[in-house]
Amino acid sequence: MFSPSAVKDPSPAAAMQTGVAVAPVEINDLTVAYRDKPVLQDIDLTIPEGKLAAIIGPNGAGKSTLIKAALGLVPATAGSVRIYGKPYAEQRRLVGYVPQRSSVDWDFPTTALDVVMMGTYGRLGWIRRPGPAERDCAMRCLEQVGMAPYADRQISQLSGGQQQRVFLARALVQDAQIYFMDEPFVGVDAVTERAIVALLQALQQQGKTVICVHHDLDSAPDYFDWVALLNVRLIASGPFASTFTADNLRKTYGGTMKAAIAHFRHFEEDRRGLGIGN
């Protein structure tokens, strides 16, 4: 299980520019189009420091595209993305990324330890190779997600949940300030889900900012404290209590998305039972 003490305190200088704190992620007028069809349109989104943020919306809403555009993995038609006030290309070392499991070639012949050590390449550059210090760091990260006994196992021989924990360790070894995770809970077992939740909470305790594409409306209020509701355009964003509302869910999913509203009502009942809100 992940240990909060294993994550270093963030550098205050990383979040400061000319003495004024800036947001970890600031997206302005972002549009992304595939074959002239907008996938994201006119997105204005600022994510505050130290939040566990969920990006939620229906299939085809552009959730994964939003993360990829922020990381420069897909080209933007218009707009800009700033990481602590600067372009991503200047802030790569501050960002960790966990892609969707379905986008990874799991048959590639490499071990779990090798995958985690790949997370050190960003700070080493292309000339230097990982050495004993990087190996030790990678092993500590594997241990923190419960995967140290599988360090020498081929990645293709691991279960889906184990593979996801290896990728979490790879992000962890980067010692980033911001973590983007694309559907980290999809297809994982209960043990891995608990490990991921513990990881998110530990990162937040250390002042990190975590942004996850998430699809399960029922668990979202328990796992995250900030939400962006997306359906090509940004519908709403902010704290869960004021943003995850029936009206916003209808706007996001449409009137036919009864499951969304059902989940919301369950959440509202839980809030009233706990005496939260009016």
C-alpha atoms as a PDB file:
ATOM      1  CA  MET A   1       0.000   0.000   0.000  1.00  0.00           C
ATOM      2  CA  PHE A   2       1.235   3.494  -0.722  1.00  0.00           C
ATOM      3  CA  SER A   3       2.892   5.376   2.117  1.00  0.00           C
ATOM      4  CA  PRO A   4       2.348   9.161   2.343  1.00  0.00           C
ATOM      5  CA  SER A   5       5.806   9.599   3.825  1.00  0.00           C
ATOM      6  CA  ALA A   6       7.314   8.217   0.626  1.00  0.00           C
ATOM      7  CA  VAL A   7       6.361  11.318  -1.374  1.00  0.00           C
ATOM      8  CA  LYS A   8       8.605  14.362  -1.071  1.00  0.00           C
ATOM      9  CA  ASP A   9       7.212  17.738  -0.122  1.00  0.00           C
ATOM     10  CA  PRO A  10       6.525  19.810  -3.231  1.00  0.00           C
ATOM     11  CA  SER A  11       8.820  22.715  -3.966  1.00  0.00           C
ATOM     12  CA  PRO A  12       6.979  26.011  -3.376  1.00  0.00           C
ATOM     13  CA  ALA A  13       8.997  27.499  -6.208  1.00  0.00           C
ATOM     14  CA  ALA A  14       7.289  25.166  -8.668  1.00  0.00           C
ATOM     15  CA  ALA A  15       3.952  26.864  -7.992  1.00  0.00           C
ATOM     16  CA  MET A  16       5.213  30.429  -7.982  1.00  0.00           C
ATOM     17  CA  GLN A  17       5.900  32.889 -10.725  1.00  0.00           C
ATOM     18  CA  THR A  18       7.154  36.388  -9.905  1.00  0.00           C
ATOM     19  CA  GLY A  19       5.980  35.847  -6.334  1.00  0.00           C
ATOM     20  CA  VAL A  20       2.366  35.042  -7.268  1.00  0.00           C
ATOM     21  CA  ALA A  21       0.917  31.538  -7.034  1.00  0.00           C
ATOM     22  CA  VAL A  22      -0.377  30.188 -10.341  1.00  0.00           C
ATOM     23  CA  ALA A  23      -2.689  27.267 -11.040  1.00  0.00           C
ATOM     24  CA  PRO A  24      -1.158  23.856 -11.777  1.00  0.00           C
ATOM     25  CA  VAL A  25      -3.307  23.523 -14.906  1.00  0.00           C
ATOM     26  CA  GLU A  26      -4.911  26.365 -16.824  1.00  0.00           C
ATOM     27  CA  ILE A  27      -6.673  25.696 -20.132  1.00  0.00           C
ATOM     28  CA  ASN A  28      -7.886  28.590 -22.255  1.00  0.00           C
ATOM     29  CA  ASP A  29     -10.193  28.414 -25.307  1.00  0.00           C
ATOM     30  CA  LEU A  30      -8.980  24.892 -26.147  1.00  0.00           C
ATOM     31  CA  THR A  31     -10.427  23.286 -29.267  1.00  0.00           C
ATOM     32  CA  VAL A  32      -9.376  19.913 -30.681  1.00  0.00           C
ATOM     33  CA  ALA A  33     -10.814  18.562 -33.919  1.00  0.00           C
ATOM     34  CA  TYR A  34     -10.463  15.263 -35.772  1.00  0.00           C
ATOM     35  CA  ARG A  35     -11.196  15.508 -39.515  1.00  0.00           C
ATOM     36  CA  ASP A  36     -12.772  18.929 -38.981  1.00  0.00           C
ATOM     37  CA  LYS A  37     -15.148  17.586 -36.327  1.00  0.00           C
ATOM     38  CA  PRO A  38     -14.659  19.213 -32.897  1.00  0.00           C
ATOM     39  CA  VAL A  39     -13.894  16.715 -30.152  1.00  0.00           C
ATOM     40  CA  LEU A  40     -13.321  19.495 -27.639  1.00  0.00           C
ATOM     41  CA  GLN A  41     -14.645  22.994 -28.160  1.00  0.00           C
ATOM     42  CA  ASP A  42     -13.779  26.264 -26.417  1.00  0.00           C
ATOM     43  CA  ILE A  43     -12.645  24.682 -23.159  1.00  0.00           C
ATOM     44  CA  ASP A  44     -11.787  27.100 -20.359  1.00  0.00           C
ATOM     45  CA  LEU A  45     -10.720  25.160 -17.286  1.00  0.00           C
ATOM     46  CA  THR A  46      -8.538  25.947 -14.285  1.00  0.00           C
ATOM     47  CA  ILE A  47      -7.710  23.229 -11.774  1.00  0.00           C
ATOM     48  CA  PRO A  48      -6.585  24.486  -8.350  1.00  0.00           C
ATOM     49  CA  GLU A  49      -3.531  23.297  -6.447  1.00  0.00           C
ATOM     50  CA  GLY A  50      -3.768  20.102  -4.404  1.00  0.00           C
ATOM     51  CA  LYS A  51      -7.093  18.838  -5.726  1.00  0.00           C
ATOM     52  CA  LEU A  52      -8.179  15.306  -6.556  1.00  0.00           C
ATOM     53  CA  ALA A  53     -10.001  16.225  -9.745  1.00  0.00           C
ATOM     54  CA  ALA A  54     -12.268  13.965 -11.789  1.00  0.00           C
ATOM     55  CA  ILE A  55     -13.069  14.574 -15.447  1.00  0.00           C
ATOM     56  CA  ILE A  56     -16.511  13.076 -15.993  1.00  0.00           C
ATOM     57  CA  GLY A  57     -18.747  12.790 -19.034  1.00  0.00           C
ATOM     58  CA  PRO A  58     -20.361  10.326 -21.461  1.00  0.00           C
ATOM     59  CA  ASN A  59     -18.495   8.245 -24.024  1.00  0.00           C
ATOM     60  CA  GLY A  60     -17.164  10.449 -26.791  1.00  0.00           C
ATOM     61  CA  ALA A  61     -17.201  13.558 -24.598  1.00  0.00           C
ATOM     62  CA  GLY A  62     -13.482  14.208 -25.149  1.00  0.00           C
ATOM     63  CA  LYS A  63     -12.275  13.287 -21.653  1.00  0.00           C
ATOM     64  CA  SER A  64      -9.147  11.392 -22.717  1.00  0.00           C
ATOM     65  CA  THR A  65      -8.534  13.897 -25.495  1.00  0.00           C
ATOM     66  CA  LEU A  66      -8.474  16.680 -22.914  1.00  0.00           C
ATOM     67  CA  ILE A  67      -5.649  14.985 -21.030  1.00  0.00           C
ATOM     68  CA  LYS A  68      -3.758  14.178 -24.219  1.00  0.00           C
ATOM     69  CA  ALA A  69      -4.090  17.748 -25.449  1.00  0.00           C
ATOM     70  CA  ALA A  70      -2.775  19.030 -22.116  1.00  0.00           C
ATOM     71  CA  LEU A  71       0.263  16.776 -22.545  1.00  0.00           C
ATOM     72  CA  GLY A  72       0.826  17.663 -26.173  1.00  0.00           C
ATOM     73  CA  LEU A  73      -0.023  14.140 -27.328  1.00  0.00           C
ATOM     74  CA  VAL A  74      -2.702  15.403 -29.715  1.00  0.00           C
ATOM     75  CA  PRO A  75      -2.556  18.751 -31.539  1.00  0.00           C
ATOM     76  CA  ALA A  76      -4.874  21.572 -30.551  1.00  0.00           C
ATOM     77  CA  THR A  77      -6.775  23.418 -33.251  1.00  0.00           C
ATOM     78  CA  ALA A  78      -6.919  26.501 -31.056  1.00  0.00           C
ATOM     79  CA  GLY A  79      -6.272  27.597 -27.502  1.00  0.00           C
ATOM     80  CA  SER A  80      -3.534  26.978 -24.970  1.00  0.00           C
ATOM     81  CA  VAL A  81      -2.617  24.848 -21.960  1.00  0.00           C
ATOM     82  CA  ARG A  82      -0.394  26.163 -19.185  1.00  0.00           C
ATOM     83  CA  ILE A  83       1.301  24.100 -16.506  1.00  0.00           C
ATOM     84  CA  TYR A  84       2.163  26.406 -13.612  1.00  0.00           C
ATOM     85  CA  GLY A  85       1.934  29.313 -16.005  1.00  0.00           C
ATOM     86  CA  LYS A  86       4.212  27.907 -18.710  1.00  0.00           C
ATOM     87  CA  PRO A  87       3.798  25.637 -21.760  1.00  0.00           C
ATOM     88  CA  TYR A  88       3.919  21.917 -21.035  1.00  0.00           C
ATOM     89  CA  ALA A  89       7.144  21.548 -23.038  1.00  0.00           C
ATOM     90  CA  GLU A  90       8.899  23.687 -20.414  1.00  0.00           C
ATOM     91  CA  GLN A  91       7.334  21.848 -17.455  1.00  0.00           C
ATOM     92  CA  ARG A  92       7.571  18.175 -18.406  1.00  0.00           C
ATOM     93  CA  ARG A  93       9.456  17.259 -15.257  1.00  0.00           C
ATOM     94  CA  LEU A  94       6.543  18.461 -13.139  1.00  0.00           C
ATOM     95  CA  VAL A  95       4.026  16.112 -14.793  1.00  0.00           C
ATOM     96  CA  GLY A  96       3.364  12.379 -14.436  1.00  0.00           C
ATOM     97  CA  TYR A  97       1.033  10.427 -16.726  1.00  0.00           C
ATOM     98  CA  VAL A  98      -0.790   7.108 -16.403  1.00  0.00           C
ATOM     99  CA  PRO A  99      -2.374   6.196 -19.771  1.00  0.00           C
ATOM    100  CA  GLN A 100      -5.344   3.926 -20.350  1.00  0.00           C
ATOM    101  CA  ARG A 101      -4.390   0.280 -20.045  1.00  0.00           C
ATOM    102  CA  SER A 102      -6.022  -0.416 -23.408  1.00  0.00           C
ATOM    103  CA  SER A 103      -3.525   1.908 -25.122  1.00  0.00           C
ATOM    104  CA  VAL A 104      -0.472  -0.063 -23.963  1.00  0.00           C
ATOM    105  CA  ASP A 105       1.222  -2.944 -25.800  1.00  0.00           C
ATOM    106  CA  TRP A 106       1.366  -5.426 -22.944  1.00  0.00           C
ATOM    107  CA  ASP A 107       3.145  -8.016 -25.098  1.00  0.00           C
ATOM    108  CA  PHE A 108       6.273  -5.871 -25.282  1.00  0.00           C
ATOM    109  CA  PRO A 109       9.111  -7.955 -23.734  1.00  0.00           C
ATOM    110  CA  THR A 110      10.012  -6.006 -20.598  1.00  0.00           C
ATOM    111  CA  THR A 111       9.842  -6.505 -16.850  1.00  0.00           C
ATOM    112  CA  ALA A 112       7.817  -4.597 -14.291  1.00  0.00           C
ATOM    113  CA  LEU A 113      11.008  -3.014 -12.933  1.00  0.00           C
ATOM    114  CA  ASP A 114      12.067  -1.877 -16.408  1.00  0.00           C
ATOM    115  CA  VAL A 115       8.684  -0.223 -16.955  1.00  0.00           C
ATOM    116  CA  VAL A 116       8.996   1.731 -13.716  1.00  0.00           C
ATOM    117  CA  MET A 117      12.568   2.770 -14.495  1.00  0.00           C
ATOM    118  CA  MET A 118      11.282   4.284 -17.747  1.00  0.00           C
ATOM    119  CA  GLY A 119       9.733   6.941 -15.538  1.00  0.00           C
ATOM    120  CA  THR A 120      13.234   8.206 -14.696  1.00  0.00           C
ATOM    121  CA  TYR A 121      14.153   8.953 -18.317  1.00  0.00           C
ATOM    122  CA  GLY A 122      12.626  12.432 -18.225  1.00  0.00           C
ATOM    123  CA  ARG A 123      15.067  13.740 -15.644  1.00  0.00           C
ATOM    124  CA  LEU A 124      18.031  11.743 -16.952  1.00  0.00           C
ATOM    125  CA  GLY A 125      17.686  12.778 -20.577  1.00  0.00           C
ATOM    126  CA  TRP A 126      18.443  10.572 -23.573  1.00  0.00           C
ATOM    127  CA  ILE A 127      22.192  10.313 -22.991  1.00  0.00           C
ATOM    128  CA  ARG A 128      22.370   9.127 -19.386  1.00  0.00           C
ATOM    129  CA  ARG A 129      21.114   5.667 -18.554  1.00  0.00           C
ATOM    130  CA  PRO A 130      19.428   4.658 -15.294  1.00  0.00           C
ATOM    131  CA  GLY A 131      21.907   3.494 -12.673  1.00  0.00           C
ATOM    132  CA  PRO A 132      21.767   1.935  -9.197  1.00  0.00           C
ATOM    133  CA  ALA A 133      20.121   5.032  -7.685  1.00  0.00           C
ATOM    134  CA  GLU A 134      17.285   4.936 -10.231  1.00  0.00           C
ATOM    135  CA  ARG A 135      16.900   1.194  -9.773  1.00  0.00           C
ATOM    136  CA  ASP A 136      16.610   1.594  -6.008  1.00  0.00           C
ATOM    137  CA  CYS A 137      14.042   4.363  -6.438  1.00  0.00           C
ATOM    138  CA  ALA A 138      12.036   2.228  -8.869  1.00  0.00           C
ATOM    139  CA  MET A 139      12.066  -0.684  -6.429  1.00  0.00           C
ATOM    140  CA  ARG A 140      10.800   1.558  -3.627  1.00  0.00           C
ATOM    141  CA  CYS A 141       7.941   2.719  -5.822  1.00  0.00           C
ATOM    142  CA  LEU A 142       7.047  -0.869  -6.717  1.00  0.00           C
ATOM    143  CA  GLU A 143       7.061  -1.692  -3.023  1.00  0.00           C
ATOM    144  CA  GLN A 144       4.765   1.225  -2.272  1.00  0.00           C
ATOM    145  CA  VAL A 145       2.126  -0.148  -4.667  1.00  0.00           C
ATOM    146  CA  GLY A 146       2.602  -3.740  -3.485  1.00  0.00           C
ATOM    147  CA  MET A 147       4.401  -4.948  -6.611  1.00  0.00           C
ATOM    148  CA  ALA A 148       8.022  -5.405  -5.448  1.00  0.00           C
ATOM    149  CA  PRO A 149       7.734  -9.234  -5.493  1.00  0.00           C
ATOM    150  CA  TYR A 150       6.898  -9.006  -9.214  1.00  0.00           C
ATOM    151  CA  ALA A 151       9.785  -6.720 -10.200  1.00  0.00           C
ATOM    152  CA  ASP A 152      11.382  -9.288 -12.501  1.00  0.00           C
ATOM    153  CA  ARG A 153       8.107 -10.602 -13.914  1.00  0.00           C
ATOM    154  CA  GLN A 154       7.366  -9.936 -17.568  1.00  0.00           C
ATOM    155  CA  ILE A 155       4.690  -7.265 -17.801  1.00  0.00           C
ATOM    156  CA  SER A 156       2.609  -9.518 -20.066  1.00  0.00           C
ATOM    157  CA  GLN A 157       2.421 -12.132 -17.292  1.00  0.00           C
ATOM    158  CA  LEU A 158       0.738  -9.804 -14.830  1.00  0.00           C
ATOM    159  CA  SER A 159      -2.982  -9.405 -14.251  1.00  0.00           C
ATOM    160  CA  GLY A 160      -4.759  -6.255 -15.343  1.00  0.00           C
ATOM    161  CA  GLY A 161      -4.763  -4.863 -11.816  1.00  0.00           C
ATOM    162  CA  GLN A 162      -1.083  -5.649 -11.360  1.00  0.00           C
ATOM    163  CA  GLN A 163      -0.221  -3.978 -14.663  1.00  0.00           C
ATOM    164  CA  GLN A 164      -2.065  -0.855 -13.561  1.00  0.00           C
ATOM    165  CA  ARG A 165      -0.151  -0.753 -10.276  1.00  0.00           C
ATOM    166  CA  VAL A 166       3.127  -1.005 -12.204  1.00  0.00           C
ATOM    167  CA  PHE A 167       2.104   2.015 -14.270  1.00  0.00           C
ATOM    168  CA  LEU A 168       1.193   3.891 -11.104  1.00  0.00           C
ATOM    169  CA  ALA A 169       4.686   3.119  -9.784  1.00  0.00           C
ATOM    170  CA  ARG A 170       6.157   4.442 -13.033  1.00  0.00           C
ATOM    171  CA  ALA A 171       4.281   7.727 -12.527  1.00  0.00           C
ATOM    172  CA  LEU A 172       5.307   7.826  -8.876  1.00  0.00           C
ATOM    173  CA  VAL A 173       9.012   7.478  -9.657  1.00  0.00           C
ATOM    174  CA  GLN A 174       8.801  10.716 -11.634  1.00  0.00           C
ATOM    175  CA  ASP A 175       8.159  12.603  -8.358  1.00  0.00           C
ATOM    176  CA  ALA A 176       5.866  14.971 -10.248  1.00  0.00           C
ATOM    177  CA  GLN A 177       3.748  17.860  -9.000  1.00  0.00           C
ATOM    178  CA  ILE A 178       0.777  17.049 -11.265  1.00  0.00           C
ATOM    179  CA  TYR A 179      -0.475  13.579 -12.162  1.00  0.00           C
ATOM    180  CA  PHE A 180      -2.764  12.929 -15.121  1.00  0.00           C
ATOM    181  CA  MET A 181      -4.452   9.508 -15.011  1.00  0.00           C
ATOM    182  CA  ASP A 182      -6.685   8.199 -17.790  1.00  0.00           C
ATOM    183  CA  GLU A 183      -9.355   5.917 -16.285  1.00  0.00           C
ATOM    184  CA  PRO A 184      -7.055   4.320 -13.680  1.00  0.00           C
ATOM    185  CA  PHE A 185      -9.893   2.304 -12.105  1.00  0.00           C
ATOM    186  CA  VAL A 186     -11.119   0.580 -15.267  1.00  0.00           C
ATOM    187  CA  GLY A 187     -10.787  -3.217 -15.227  1.00  0.00           C
ATOM    188  CA  VAL A 188      -8.933  -3.467 -11.914  1.00  0.00           C
ATOM    189  CA  ASP A 189      -9.598  -5.736  -8.954  1.00  0.00           C
ATOM    190  CA  ALA A 190     -10.680  -4.565  -5.514  1.00  0.00           C
ATOM    191  CA  VAL A 191      -7.135  -4.743  -4.110  1.00  0.00           C
ATOM    192  CA  THR A 192      -5.818  -2.498  -6.879  1.00  0.00           C
ATOM    193  CA  GLU A 193      -8.731  -0.087  -6.513  1.00  0.00           C
ATOM    194  CA  ARG A 194      -7.936   0.340  -2.816  1.00  0.00           C
ATOM    195  CA  ALA A 195      -4.249   0.819  -3.667  1.00  0.00           C
ATOM    196  CA  ILE A 196      -5.108   3.516  -6.202  1.00  0.00           C
ATOM    197  CA  VAL A 197      -7.366   5.354  -3.738  1.00  0.00           C
ATOM    198  CA  ALA A 198      -4.611   5.238  -1.094  1.00  0.00           C
ATOM    199  CA  LEU A 199      -2.145   6.571  -3.669  1.00  0.00           C
ATOM    200  CA  LEU A 200      -4.426   9.463  -4.629  1.00  0.00           C
ATOM    201  CA  GLN A 201      -5.001  10.406  -1.011  1.00  0.00           C
ATOM    202  CA  ALA A 202      -1.288  10.226  -0.192  1.00  0.00           C
ATOM    203  CA  LEU A 203      -0.384  12.422  -3.134  1.00  0.00           C
ATOM    204  CA  GLN A 204      -2.976  14.982  -2.100  1.00  0.00           C
ATOM    205  CA  GLN A 205      -1.656  15.026   1.452  1.00  0.00           C
ATOM    206  CA  GLN A 206       1.692  16.075   0.020  1.00  0.00           C
ATOM    207  CA  GLY A 207       0.162  18.930  -1.968  1.00  0.00           C
ATOM    208  CA  LYS A 208       0.192  17.207  -5.353  1.00  0.00           C
ATOM    209  CA  THR A 209      -2.557  17.780  -7.911  1.00  0.00           C
ATOM    210  CA  VAL A 210      -4.198  14.696  -9.453  1.00  0.00           C
ATOM    211  CA  ILE A 211      -6.482  14.782 -12.494  1.00  0.00           C
ATOM    212  CA  CYS A 212      -8.275  11.568 -13.456  1.00  0.00           C
ATOM    213  CA  VAL A 213     -10.642  10.638 -16.236  1.00  0.00           C
ATOM    214  CA  HIS A 214     -13.337   8.734 -14.359  1.00  0.00           C
ATOM    215  CA  HIS A 215     -16.521   7.009 -15.490  1.00  0.00           C
ATOM    216  CA  ASP A 216     -18.147   5.653 -12.325  1.00  0.00           C
ATOM    217  CA  LEU A 217     -20.527   8.309 -11.025  1.00  0.00           C
ATOM    218  CA  ASP A 218     -21.323   6.297  -7.914  1.00  0.00           C
ATOM    219  CA  SER A 219     -17.745   6.237  -6.601  1.00  0.00           C
ATOM    220  CA  ALA A 220     -16.649   9.649  -7.861  1.00  0.00           C
ATOM    221  CA  PRO A 221     -17.848  11.669  -4.818  1.00  0.00           C
ATOM    222  CA  ASP A 222     -15.960   9.288  -2.522  1.00  0.00           C
ATOM    223  CA  TYR A 223     -12.689   9.405  -4.442  1.00  0.00           C
ATOM    224  CA  PHE A 224     -12.485  13.029  -5.594  1.00  0.00           C
ATOM    225  CA  ASP A 225     -13.126  16.500  -4.191  1.00  0.00           C
ATOM    226  CA  TRP A 226     -13.250  18.484  -7.441  1.00  0.00           C
ATOM    227  CA  VAL A 227     -14.963  17.743 -10.751  1.00  0.00           C
ATOM    228  CA  ALA A 228     -15.104  18.892 -14.367  1.00  0.00           C
ATOM    229  CA  LEU A 229     -18.233  17.806 -16.251  1.00  0.00           C
ATOM    230  CA  LEU A 230     -17.490  17.540 -19.948  1.00  0.00           C
ATOM    231  CA  ASN A 231     -19.386  16.813 -23.138  1.00  0.00           C
ATOM    232  CA  VAL A 232     -17.276  18.284 -25.955  1.00  0.00           C
ATOM    233  CA  ARG A 233     -17.792  21.604 -24.165  1.00  0.00           C
ATOM    234  CA  LEU A 234     -17.175  22.171 -20.478  1.00  0.00           C
ATOM    235  CA  ILE A 235     -20.541  21.999 -18.728  1.00  0.00           C
ATOM    236  CA  ALA A 236     -19.394  22.886 -15.216  1.00  0.00           C
ATOM    237  CA  SER A 237     -16.388  22.637 -12.936  1.00  0.00           C
ATOM    238  CA  GLY A 238     -15.720  23.132  -9.247  1.00  0.00           C
ATOM    239  CA  PRO A 239     -16.079  21.392  -5.863  1.00  0.00           C
ATOM    240  CA  PHE A 240     -18.230  18.259  -5.906  1.00  0.00           C
ATOM    241  CA  ALA A 241     -20.804  19.586  -3.450  1.00  0.00           C
ATOM    242  CA  SER A 242     -21.739  22.537  -5.654  1.00  0.00           C
ATOM    243  CA  THR A 243     -20.994  21.110  -9.117  1.00  0.00           C
ATOM    244  CA  PHE A 244     -22.169  17.482  -9.085  1.00  0.00           C
ATOM    245  CA  THR A 245     -25.848  18.450  -9.282  1.00  0.00           C
ATOM    246  CA  ALA A 246     -28.843  16.900 -11.025  1.00  0.00           C
ATOM    247  CA  ASP A 247     -29.120  19.869 -13.365  1.00  0.00           C
ATOM    248  CA  ASN A 248     -25.448  19.702 -14.380  1.00  0.00           C
ATOM    249  CA  LEU A 249     -25.641  15.945 -14.874  1.00  0.00           C
ATOM    250  CA  ARG A 250     -28.653  16.354 -17.159  1.00  0.00           C
ATOM    251  CA  LYS A 251     -26.769  18.946 -19.188  1.00  0.00           C
ATOM    252  CA  THR A 252     -23.757  16.619 -19.381  1.00  0.00           C
ATOM    253  CA  TYR A 253     -25.477  13.336 -20.180  1.00  0.00           C
ATOM    254  CA  GLY A 254     -28.780  14.466 -21.630  1.00  0.00           C
ATOM    255  CA  GLY A 255     -32.275  13.773 -20.376  1.00  0.00           C
ATOM    256  CA  THR A 256     -32.102  10.092 -21.314  1.00  0.00           C
ATOM    257  CA  MET A 257     -29.213   9.362 -18.953  1.00  0.00           C
ATOM    258  CA  LYS A 258     -31.376   8.074 -16.099  1.00  0.00           C
ATOM    259  CA  ALA A 259     -28.476   6.235 -14.472  1.00  0.00           C
ATOM    260  CA  ALA A 260     -26.611   9.494 -13.991  1.00  0.00           C
ATOM    261  CA  ILE A 261     -29.493  11.076 -12.148  1.00  0.00           C
ATOM    262  CA  ALA A 262     -30.068   7.910 -10.118  1.00  0.00           C
ATOM    263  CA  HIS A 263     -26.472   7.989  -8.931  1.00  0.00           C
ATOM    264  CA  PHE A 264     -26.785  11.672  -8.105  1.00  0.00           C
ATOM    265  CA  ARG A 265     -29.915  11.114  -6.015  1.00  0.00           C
ATOM    266  CA  HIS A 266     -28.132   8.385  -4.083  1.00  0.00           C
ATOM    267  CA  PHE A 267     -25.301  10.834  -3.412  1.00  0.00           C
ATOM    268  CA  GLU A 268     -27.765  13.503  -2.279  1.00  0.00           C
ATOM    269  CA  GLU A 269     -29.381  11.062   0.140  1.00  0.00           C
ATOM    270  CA  ASP A 270     -25.962  10.224   1.571  1.00  0.00           C
ATOM    271  CA  ARG A 271     -25.189  13.934   2.008  1.00  0.00           C
ATOM    272  CA  ARG A 272     -28.470  14.617   3.803  1.00  0.00           C
ATOM    273  CA  GLY A 273     -27.932  11.602   6.046  1.00  0.00           C
ATOM    274  CA  LEU A 274     -24.517  12.939   7.015  1.00  0.00           C
ATOM    275  CA  GLY A 275     -25.857  16.430   7.573  1.00  0.00           C
ATOM    276  CA  ILE A 276     -23.856  17.887   4.672  1.00  0.00           C
ATOM    277  CA  GLY A 277     -25.396  20.797   2.790  1.00  0.00           C
ATOM    278  CA  ASN A 278     -28.962  22.052   3.066  1.00  0.00           C
END
